[in-house]
């Protein structure tokens, strides 16, 4: 029986290999499309479904072909792949001269560092590691069945963040793990509370050059920043519910980032703890409690250390030359050139507007002003093809805010449209978060906003 099995495998090993590969492609595509993105990006994955089904069809078809035809097919496929490798080499050369080389020359001329993984390692090898942690995002905690869902970083710690401006940004956290001077929590009355994602937290600039830090300097007001990288609308709602229980807030500033907030909500809704903030009355994890805060710190430390370990591993496995080889043999540039398109932003989920209604109700009960701030992305100024869903989201948001009488600050109109050069607000004129100048401008716009009008 074993001999017969070996004979079957030896006779049909190309078909078996082909079949196995096609199944792997289809399974991988299915997992990415349905489990990770809930079918929201089906159009983006359609080509991979077609490719997998085509491979599957060819694997069955090959069973009925004679040996000569099979050899010819293999010869055609091999020569096609080799030709594509030559094309890939050409695209590699063009792209290097066009993009990467320019950025690297700019970095080197300003003594900036480039490789992020090696920089993390360099930083942690050369500096005092005491109370120093890499940043982790809420996505690390989603659907992990944790006792509590952390909504902030580690308390009283030094957070190493990101490198978009030629240096690794850092800040020291307050008693609850946010980017604030700790003594601001001693105030019972606050002028502003900022809620949002990494743009609000102050990604890739040092404190106090984030929005809240610059707003403090301009206005001399009492301000708390509840921003955290990776926050979606449910996390934003949760952070306010958890940490503003005993505060009298004059202005709640809710930030919306057009590029990923609708995506983040898709993932957040899968976590039962985060969903509870919207669907359960008076729900709270009581994270402001000292014991819960200690548990939160322990969880985030574990994930931060795990991320640092993975950075070490990825640095070892993905050296610059290894990464180039992987991209070359998988035709990275060719695929981007032929198949790639900017992924369409999902339409805003109806629960997003329920979340805004809930924070509006909270603001009304506590006699706070609610101000919605719309943040545009770098892609808005570089992608020529209209993104239909993003435009619909923008229109629907403005309509909703008008109906609910929620104050609206449009950073696209108030900052970017008034600038002759929108790229001065981005790091090294590249895709990323806003730079110091961008954060400063937003702080000025908020400070000058007239609620009466």
Protein backbone atom coordinates (compact mmCIF):
# COMPACT_ATOMS: atom_id res chain seq x y z
CA UNK A 1 0.00 0.00 0.00
CA UNK A 2 2.88 2.34 0.87
CA UNK A 3 4.48 1.59 -2.52
CA UNK A 4 1.21 2.40 -4.30
CA UNK A 5 0.93 5.68 -2.38
CA UNK A 6 4.49 6.61 -3.33
CA UNK A 7 3.74 5.76 -6.95
CA UNK A 8 0.62 7.95 -6.95
CA UNK A 9 2.55 10.85 -5.39
CA UNK A 10 5.44 10.46 -7.87
CA UNK A 11 3.03 10.41 -10.79
CA UNK A 12 0.89 13.31 -9.66
CA UNK A 13 3.17 15.41 -7.47
CA UNK A 14 2.89 18.54 -9.70
CA UNK A 15 -0.91 18.32 -9.54
CA UNK A 16 -0.86 17.75 -5.76
CA UNK A 17 1.53 20.67 -5.29
CA UNK A 18 -0.61 22.88 -7.52
CA UNK A 19 -3.79 21.86 -5.69
CA UNK A 20 -2.27 22.46 -2.25
CA UNK A 21 -0.97 25.87 -3.22
CA UNK A 22 -4.35 26.95 -4.64
CA UNK A 23 -6.13 25.88 -1.44
CA UNK A 24 -3.63 27.86 0.66
CA UNK A 25 -4.18 30.98 -1.46
CA UNK A 26 -7.97 30.68 -1.13
CA UNK A 27 -7.88 30.02 2.62
CA UNK A 28 -5.52 32.93 3.26
CA UNK A 29 -7.72 35.24 1.18
CA UNK A 30 -10.87 34.06 2.95
CA UNK A 31 -9.37 34.64 6.41
CA UNK A 32 -8.15 38.14 5.50
CA UNK A 33 -11.39 39.12 3.77
CA UNK A 34 -14.04 37.65 6.06
CA UNK A 35 -12.49 37.16 9.50
CA UNK A 36 -10.22 40.20 9.64
CA UNK A 37 -12.16 42.71 7.53
CA UNK A 38 -15.71 41.32 7.82
CA UNK A 39 -16.09 41.44 4.04
CA UNK A 40 -15.66 45.22 4.04
CA UNK A 41 -12.77 44.96 1.57
CA UNK A 42 -14.11 42.25 -0.71
CA UNK A 43 -13.32 44.30 -3.82
CA UNK A 44 -9.67 44.49 -2.80
CA UNK A 45 -9.44 40.72 -2.29
CA UNK A 46 -11.47 39.74 -5.37
CA UNK A 47 -8.36 39.39 -7.55
CA UNK A 48 -6.87 36.92 -5.04
CA UNK A 49 -10.07 34.86 -5.05
CA UNK A 50 -9.90 34.74 -8.86
CA UNK A 51 -6.22 33.82 -8.78
CA UNK A 52 -6.83 31.00 -6.27
CA UNK A 53 -9.79 29.62 -8.22
CA UNK A 54 -7.79 29.75 -11.43
CA UNK A 55 -5.01 27.74 -9.80
CA UNK A 56 -7.58 25.27 -8.48
CA UNK A 57 -9.10 24.89 -11.97
CA UNK A 58 -5.67 24.32 -13.52
CA UNK A 59 -4.79 21.69 -10.91
CA UNK A 60 -7.91 19.67 -11.87
CA UNK A 61 -7.39 20.28 -15.58
CA UNK A 62 -3.83 18.95 -15.38
CA UNK A 63 -5.16 15.53 -14.36
CA UNK A 64 -6.52 15.05 -17.91
CA UNK A 65 -3.51 16.34 -19.82
CA UNK A 66 -0.75 14.20 -21.28
CA UNK A 67 2.86 14.53 -20.16
CA UNK A 68 3.97 16.60 -23.17
CA UNK A 69 1.29 19.26 -22.66
CA UNK A 70 2.11 19.43 -18.93
CA UNK A 71 5.78 20.00 -19.74
CA UNK A 72 4.85 22.80 -22.15
CA UNK A 73 2.63 24.45 -19.54
CA UNK A 74 5.42 24.27 -16.94
CA UNK A 75 7.86 25.73 -19.49
CA UNK A 76 5.48 28.63 -20.27
CA UNK A 77 4.85 29.35 -16.58
CA UNK A 78 8.58 29.22 -15.77
CA UNK A 79 9.58 31.52 -18.62
CA UNK A 80 6.76 33.92 -17.73
CA UNK A 81 7.93 34.08 -14.11
CA UNK A 82 11.55 34.68 -15.16
CA UNK A 83 10.39 37.46 -17.48
CA UNK A 84 8.43 39.03 -14.63
CA UNK A 85 11.54 38.85 -12.44
CA UNK A 86 13.41 40.88 -15.05
CA UNK A 87 10.56 43.39 -15.09
CA UNK A 88 10.60 43.47 -11.29
CA UNK A 89 14.32 44.27 -11.37
CA UNK A 90 13.61 47.20 -13.69
CA UNK A 91 10.79 48.51 -11.49
CA UNK A 92 13.04 48.13 -8.46
CA UNK A 93 15.65 50.33 -10.07
CA UNK A 94 13.10 52.98 -11.10
CA UNK A 95 11.39 53.08 -7.70
CA UNK A 96 14.69 53.29 -5.85
CA UNK A 97 15.76 56.32 -7.85
CA UNK A 98 12.31 57.91 -7.62
CA UNK A 99 11.35 57.49 -3.99
CA UNK A 100 13.55 55.61 -1.57
CA UNK A 101 16.85 57.18 -2.58
CA UNK A 102 15.44 60.71 -2.23
CA UNK A 103 14.14 59.99 1.25
CA UNK A 104 17.37 58.29 2.35
CA UNK A 105 19.51 61.13 0.99
CA UNK A 106 17.32 63.61 2.89
CA UNK A 107 17.60 61.56 6.09
CA UNK A 108 21.35 61.13 5.83
CA UNK A 109 21.96 64.79 5.03
CA UNK A 110 20.17 65.70 8.26
CA UNK A 111 21.78 62.94 10.35
CA UNK A 112 18.40 61.19 10.58
CA UNK A 113 17.97 57.48 11.19
CA UNK A 114 16.04 55.21 8.84
CA UNK A 115 15.49 51.59 9.85
CA UNK A 116 12.82 51.47 12.54
CA UNK A 117 13.48 48.00 13.93
CA UNK A 118 17.24 48.53 14.27
CA UNK A 119 16.56 51.90 15.86
CA UNK A 120 14.37 50.37 18.53
CA UNK A 121 17.17 47.94 19.28
CA UNK A 122 19.77 50.67 19.27
CA UNK A 123 17.67 52.79 21.62
CA UNK A 124 17.07 50.01 24.10
CA UNK A 125 20.67 48.84 24.02
CA UNK A 126 22.18 52.26 24.58
CA UNK A 127 19.76 53.90 27.02
CA UNK A 128 18.72 53.20 30.58
CA UNK A 129 15.95 50.61 30.30
CA UNK A 130 14.44 51.49 33.67
CA UNK A 131 10.73 52.28 33.23
CA UNK A 132 11.16 52.51 29.44
CA UNK A 133 8.58 50.84 27.19
CA UNK A 134 7.67 50.57 23.52
CA UNK A 135 4.21 51.76 22.55
CA UNK A 136 1.44 49.18 22.16
CA UNK A 137 -1.95 49.76 20.59
CA UNK A 138 -5.50 48.65 21.50
CA UNK A 139 -5.43 46.14 18.62
CA UNK A 140 -3.11 44.03 20.78
CA UNK A 141 -5.92 43.60 23.33
CA UNK A 142 -8.87 43.00 21.00
CA UNK A 143 -10.66 39.68 21.51
CA UNK A 144 -8.05 38.40 23.97
CA UNK A 145 -10.64 37.67 26.68
CA UNK A 146 -8.74 39.86 29.13
CA UNK A 147 -10.14 40.67 32.54
CA UNK A 148 -10.05 44.35 31.61
CA UNK A 149 -9.52 46.18 28.33
CA UNK A 150 -6.68 48.74 28.72
CA UNK A 151 -7.48 52.20 27.38
CA UNK A 152 -4.15 53.86 28.12
CA UNK A 153 -0.41 53.24 28.37
CA UNK A 154 1.58 52.32 31.49
CA UNK A 155 1.36 54.86 34.32
CA UNK A 156 4.41 56.97 35.18
CA UNK A 157 6.53 55.48 32.41
CA UNK A 158 8.63 56.66 29.48
CA UNK A 159 7.04 55.67 26.18
CA UNK A 160 9.15 55.29 23.05
CA UNK A 161 6.80 56.00 20.20
CA UNK A 162 7.51 56.40 16.49
CA UNK A 163 9.99 57.82 13.98
CA UNK A 164 8.60 59.93 11.14
CA UNK A 165 10.62 63.11 11.57
CA UNK A 166 14.09 61.61 11.80
CA UNK A 167 14.06 60.86 15.53
CA UNK A 168 12.19 58.55 17.87
CA UNK A 169 9.57 60.54 19.74
CA UNK A 170 8.99 59.95 23.42
CA UNK A 171 6.88 61.19 26.29
CA UNK A 172 6.35 60.54 29.99
CA UNK A 173 2.92 59.28 31.00
CA UNK A 174 0.76 60.60 33.83
CA UNK A 175 -0.82 58.63 36.68
CA UNK A 176 -3.25 56.91 34.31
CA UNK A 177 -0.93 56.38 31.33
CA UNK A 178 -1.82 59.36 29.12
CA UNK A 179 0.38 62.06 27.58
CA UNK A 180 -0.21 64.82 30.14
CA UNK A 181 1.59 66.63 32.94
CA UNK A 182 0.50 64.58 35.94
CA UNK A 183 -0.68 67.51 38.06
CA UNK A 184 -3.45 68.33 35.56
CA UNK A 185 -5.46 65.51 37.13
CA UNK A 186 -5.60 67.46 40.40
CA UNK A 187 -8.01 69.91 38.77
CA UNK A 188 -11.68 69.21 39.31
CA UNK A 189 -12.66 71.65 36.55
CA UNK A 190 -11.17 71.35 33.05
CA UNK A 191 -11.35 73.69 30.07
CA UNK A 192 -10.69 71.06 27.42
CA UNK A 193 -10.64 67.27 27.18
CA UNK A 194 -9.26 65.93 23.90
CA UNK A 195 -10.39 62.48 22.74
CA UNK A 196 -8.90 60.72 19.71
CA UNK A 197 -6.29 58.39 18.29
CA UNK A 198 -2.53 58.74 17.67
CA UNK A 199 -2.95 62.24 16.18
CA UNK A 200 -4.34 63.40 19.51
CA UNK A 201 -1.85 61.42 21.59
CA UNK A 202 0.95 63.26 19.76
CA UNK A 203 2.40 60.59 17.52
CA UNK A 204 5.98 61.07 16.32
CA UNK A 205 6.72 64.39 18.03
CA UNK A 206 8.15 64.88 21.49
CA UNK A 207 6.02 66.26 24.28
CA UNK A 208 4.93 69.10 24.56
CA UNK A 209 4.67 69.56 20.78
CA UNK A 210 1.46 67.50 20.50
CA UNK A 211 -1.90 69.27 20.07
CA UNK A 212 -2.75 69.39 23.79
CA UNK A 213 0.75 70.52 24.77
CA UNK A 214 0.68 73.38 22.28
CA UNK A 215 -2.90 74.28 23.21
CA UNK A 216 -1.82 74.56 26.87
CA UNK A 217 0.97 76.91 25.89
CA UNK A 218 -1.24 79.08 23.67
CA UNK A 219 -4.29 79.29 25.94
CA UNK A 220 -2.90 78.68 29.43
CA UNK A 221 -6.00 76.52 29.99
CA UNK A 222 -6.49 73.31 31.97
CA UNK A 223 -6.42 70.48 29.44
CA UNK A 224 -6.42 66.67 29.57
CA UNK A 225 -5.40 64.59 26.57
CA UNK A 226 -7.10 61.17 26.41
CA UNK A 227 -5.68 60.34 22.97
CA UNK A 228 -4.23 56.88 22.35
CA UNK A 229 -2.80 55.36 19.18
CA UNK A 230 -5.21 52.94 17.55
CA UNK A 231 -8.29 54.32 19.28
CA UNK A 232 -11.49 53.95 17.32
CA UNK A 233 -14.85 55.53 18.23
CA UNK A 234 -15.73 52.90 20.88
CA UNK A 235 -12.36 53.28 22.64
CA UNK A 236 -12.75 57.05 22.55
CA UNK A 237 -16.17 56.80 24.15
CA UNK A 238 -14.83 54.37 26.74
CA UNK A 239 -11.89 56.59 27.68
CA UNK A 240 -14.16 59.53 28.44
CA UNK A 241 -16.60 57.39 30.46
CA UNK A 242 -13.75 55.85 32.48
CA UNK A 243 -11.55 58.85 33.23
CA UNK A 244 -13.89 61.87 33.35
CA UNK A 245 -16.31 60.57 35.98
CA UNK A 246 -15.41 63.11 38.63
CA UNK A 247 -14.51 66.05 36.41
CA UNK A 248 -16.41 69.15 35.33
CA UNK A 249 -15.48 69.59 31.67
CA UNK A 250 -16.22 72.78 29.75
CA UNK A 251 -15.30 71.56 26.24
CA UNK A 252 -15.14 67.98 24.95
CA UNK A 253 -13.10 67.88 21.73
CA UNK A 254 -13.85 64.71 19.74
CA UNK A 255 -11.35 64.04 16.93
CA UNK A 256 -12.18 61.95 13.87
CA UNK A 257 -9.45 60.76 11.47
CA UNK A 258 -10.93 60.04 8.05
CA UNK A 259 -8.47 57.32 7.01
CA UNK A 260 -9.08 54.66 9.64
CA UNK A 261 -11.75 55.50 12.24
CA UNK A 262 -14.46 53.70 10.25
CA UNK A 263 -12.12 50.69 9.93
CA UNK A 264 -11.23 50.73 13.64
CA UNK A 265 -14.90 50.60 14.58
CA UNK A 266 -15.34 47.37 12.58
CA UNK A 267 -12.69 45.69 14.72
CA UNK A 268 -13.77 47.26 18.01
CA UNK A 269 -17.32 45.98 17.66
CA UNK A 270 -15.97 42.42 17.85
CA UNK A 271 -14.76 42.98 21.42
CA UNK A 272 -17.49 42.45 24.00
CA UNK A 273 -15.94 44.80 26.59
CA UNK A 274 -15.72 47.72 24.16
CA UNK A 275 -19.24 47.08 22.83
CA UNK A 276 -20.54 47.37 26.38
CA UNK A 277 -19.76 51.11 26.45
CA UNK A 278 -22.38 51.65 23.76
CA UNK A 279 -25.00 49.00 24.44
CA UNK A 280 -24.98 48.71 28.26
CA UNK A 281 -26.39 51.50 30.41
CA UNK A 282 -23.92 52.98 32.92
CA UNK A 283 -21.24 50.46 31.94
CA UNK A 284 -17.73 51.03 33.26
CA UNK A 285 -14.61 48.94 33.89
CA UNK A 286 -13.76 51.34 36.71
CA UNK A 287 -10.25 51.78 35.30
CA UNK A 288 -9.64 54.88 37.41
CA UNK A 289 -9.64 52.66 40.50
CA UNK A 290 -6.10 52.08 41.86
CA UNK A 291 -6.36 48.28 41.77
CA UNK A 292 -7.78 48.28 38.22
CA UNK A 293 -5.11 50.77 37.16
CA UNK A 294 -2.43 48.41 38.51
CA UNK A 295 -3.96 45.50 36.60
CA UNK A 296 -4.04 47.61 33.45
CA UNK A 297 -0.36 48.50 33.90
CA UNK A 298 0.55 44.83 34.31
CA UNK A 299 -1.29 43.84 31.12
CA UNK A 300 0.19 46.64 29.03
CA UNK A 301 3.72 45.90 30.32
CA UNK A 302 3.37 42.26 29.25
CA UNK A 303 2.27 43.26 25.74
CA UNK A 304 4.95 45.94 25.51
CA UNK A 305 7.66 43.44 26.40
CA UNK A 306 6.19 40.98 23.90
CA UNK A 307 6.30 43.61 21.17
CA UNK A 308 9.92 44.43 22.01
CA UNK A 309 10.77 40.72 21.76
CA UNK A 310 9.11 40.56 18.33
CA UNK A 311 11.08 43.61 17.22
CA UNK A 312 14.28 41.77 18.10
CA UNK A 313 13.12 38.69 16.20
CA UNK A 314 12.00 40.65 13.15
CA UNK A 315 15.32 42.49 13.11
CA UNK A 316 17.17 39.17 13.04
CA UNK A 317 14.90 37.60 10.42
CA UNK A 318 14.26 40.63 8.23
CA UNK A 319 17.58 42.27 7.62
CA UNK A 320 17.52 44.79 4.81
CA UNK A 321 18.95 42.31 2.25
CA UNK A 322 16.56 39.52 3.27
CA UNK A 323 13.56 41.81 2.93
CA UNK A 324 14.71 42.91 -0.53
CA UNK A 325 15.08 39.29 -1.64
CA UNK A 326 11.59 38.40 -0.33
CA UNK A 327 10.03 41.35 -2.14
CA UNK A 328 11.93 40.55 -5.32
CA UNK A 329 10.91 36.89 -5.61
CA UNK A 330 7.26 37.74 -4.75
CA UNK A 331 7.20 40.47 -7.44
CA UNK A 332 6.34 43.19 -4.92
CA UNK A 333 6.72 46.18 -7.26
CA UNK A 334 5.04 44.45 -10.20
CA UNK A 335 1.98 43.58 -8.13
CA UNK A 336 1.73 47.13 -6.81
CA UNK A 337 2.04 48.56 -10.30
CA UNK A 338 -0.52 46.27 -11.96
CA UNK A 339 -3.01 45.32 -9.27
CA UNK A 340 -2.66 47.77 -6.44
CA UNK A 341 -5.20 50.48 -5.85
CA UNK A 342 -5.94 52.59 -2.85
CA UNK A 343 -8.21 50.59 -0.60
CA UNK A 344 -11.62 52.20 -0.34
CA UNK A 345 -12.55 53.41 3.10
CA UNK A 346 -15.56 51.50 4.51
CA UNK A 347 -18.79 53.42 4.88
CA UNK A 348 -19.37 54.57 8.42
CA UNK A 349 -21.26 52.04 10.49
CA UNK A 350 -24.61 53.23 11.87
CA UNK A 351 -23.26 52.56 15.36
CA UNK A 352 -20.78 55.41 14.86
CA UNK A 353 -23.66 57.86 15.00
CA UNK A 354 -25.06 56.07 18.06
CA UNK A 355 -21.69 56.61 19.74
CA UNK A 356 -21.79 60.32 18.90
CA UNK A 357 -25.33 60.54 20.25
CA UNK A 358 -24.19 58.96 23.49
CA UNK A 359 -21.25 61.34 23.98
CA UNK A 360 -23.61 64.21 23.07
CA UNK A 361 -26.05 63.05 25.74
CA UNK A 362 -23.21 62.86 28.27
CA UNK A 363 -22.07 66.36 27.34
CA UNK A 364 -25.61 67.73 27.69
CA UNK A 365 -26.12 66.12 31.11
CA UNK A 366 -22.86 67.65 32.38
CA UNK A 367 -23.42 70.96 30.55
CA UNK A 368 -20.31 70.54 28.44
CA UNK A 369 -19.75 71.79 24.90
CA UNK A 370 -19.13 68.99 22.37
CA UNK A 371 -16.90 69.92 19.44
CA UNK A 372 -16.22 67.50 16.57
CA UNK A 373 -12.86 67.90 14.77
CA UNK A 374 -12.42 66.32 11.32
CA UNK A 375 -8.81 65.37 10.44
CA UNK A 376 -7.89 64.70 6.78
CA UNK A 377 -5.13 62.29 5.76
CA UNK A 378 -2.08 62.65 3.53
CA UNK A 379 -3.85 60.56 0.89
CA UNK A 380 -6.50 63.26 0.48
CA UNK A 381 -3.86 65.44 -1.17
CA UNK A 382 -2.07 62.77 -3.21
CA UNK A 383 -4.71 60.36 -4.54
CA UNK A 384 -6.21 61.72 -7.74
CA UNK A 385 -8.97 59.13 -8.06
CA UNK A 386 -12.00 60.05 -5.92
CA UNK A 387 -12.72 57.70 -3.02
CA UNK A 388 -16.48 57.45 -3.02
CA UNK A 389 -17.01 56.09 0.50
CA UNK A 390 -14.69 58.64 2.08
CA UNK A 391 -16.64 61.45 0.40
CA UNK A 392 -19.95 59.92 1.51
CA UNK A 393 -18.67 59.61 5.08
CA UNK A 394 -17.66 63.28 5.08
CA UNK A 395 -21.09 64.38 3.82
CA UNK A 396 -22.98 62.10 6.22
CA UNK A 397 -20.93 63.29 9.20
CA UNK A 398 -21.56 66.96 8.41
CA UNK A 399 -25.27 66.28 7.96
CA UNK A 400 -25.48 64.40 11.28
CA UNK A 401 -23.57 67.08 13.20
CA UNK A 402 -25.84 69.77 11.79
CA UNK A 403 -28.97 67.82 12.75
CA UNK A 404 -27.70 67.16 16.27
CA UNK A 405 -26.39 70.73 16.65
CA UNK A 406 -22.85 69.56 17.39
CA UNK A 407 -20.11 72.13 16.81
CA UNK A 408 -17.83 71.26 13.88
CA UNK A 409 -14.20 72.14 13.15
CA UNK A 410 -13.15 71.08 9.65
CA UNK A 411 -9.35 70.91 9.56
CA UNK A 412 -9.47 70.29 5.82
CA UNK A 413 -11.16 73.64 5.22
CA UNK A 414 -9.74 75.63 8.13
CA UNK A 415 -6.10 74.54 7.75
CA UNK A 416 -5.26 72.73 4.52
CA UNK A 417 -7.43 74.64 2.04
CA UNK A 418 -5.98 77.90 3.34
CA UNK A 419 -2.42 76.70 2.79
CA UNK A 420 -0.65 76.98 -0.56
CA UNK A 421 1.38 73.91 0.36
CA UNK A 422 -0.50 71.28 2.43
CA UNK A 423 2.58 69.05 2.70
CA UNK A 424 4.34 71.43 5.10
CA UNK A 425 2.16 69.93 7.83
CA UNK A 426 3.37 66.35 7.22
CA UNK A 427 6.65 64.76 8.36
CA UNK A 428 9.39 65.48 5.80
CA UNK A 429 6.52 66.09 3.34
CA UNK A 430 5.85 62.32 3.46
CA UNK A 431 2.83 60.23 4.43
CA UNK A 432 2.36 60.04 8.18
CA UNK A 433 0.96 61.94 11.14
CA UNK A 434 1.12 65.71 11.27
CA UNK A 435 4.40 67.32 12.33
CA UNK A 436 4.97 69.99 15.00
CA UNK A 437 3.75 72.70 12.64
CA UNK A 438 0.56 70.76 11.88
CA UNK A 439 -0.21 70.09 15.54
CA UNK A 440 0.49 73.73 16.36
CA UNK A 441 -1.90 74.97 13.69
CA UNK A 442 -4.69 72.70 14.93
CA UNK A 443 -4.14 73.95 18.49
CA UNK A 444 -4.46 77.54 17.23
CA UNK A 445 -7.68 76.73 15.34
CA UNK A 446 -9.23 75.14 18.45
CA UNK A 447 -8.13 78.04 20.62
CA UNK A 448 -9.65 80.58 18.21
CA UNK A 449 -12.89 78.66 17.68
CA UNK A 450 -15.93 80.76 18.56
CA UNK A 451 -18.61 78.51 20.06
CA UNK A 452 -21.16 81.29 20.06
CA UNK A 453 -21.13 81.39 16.23
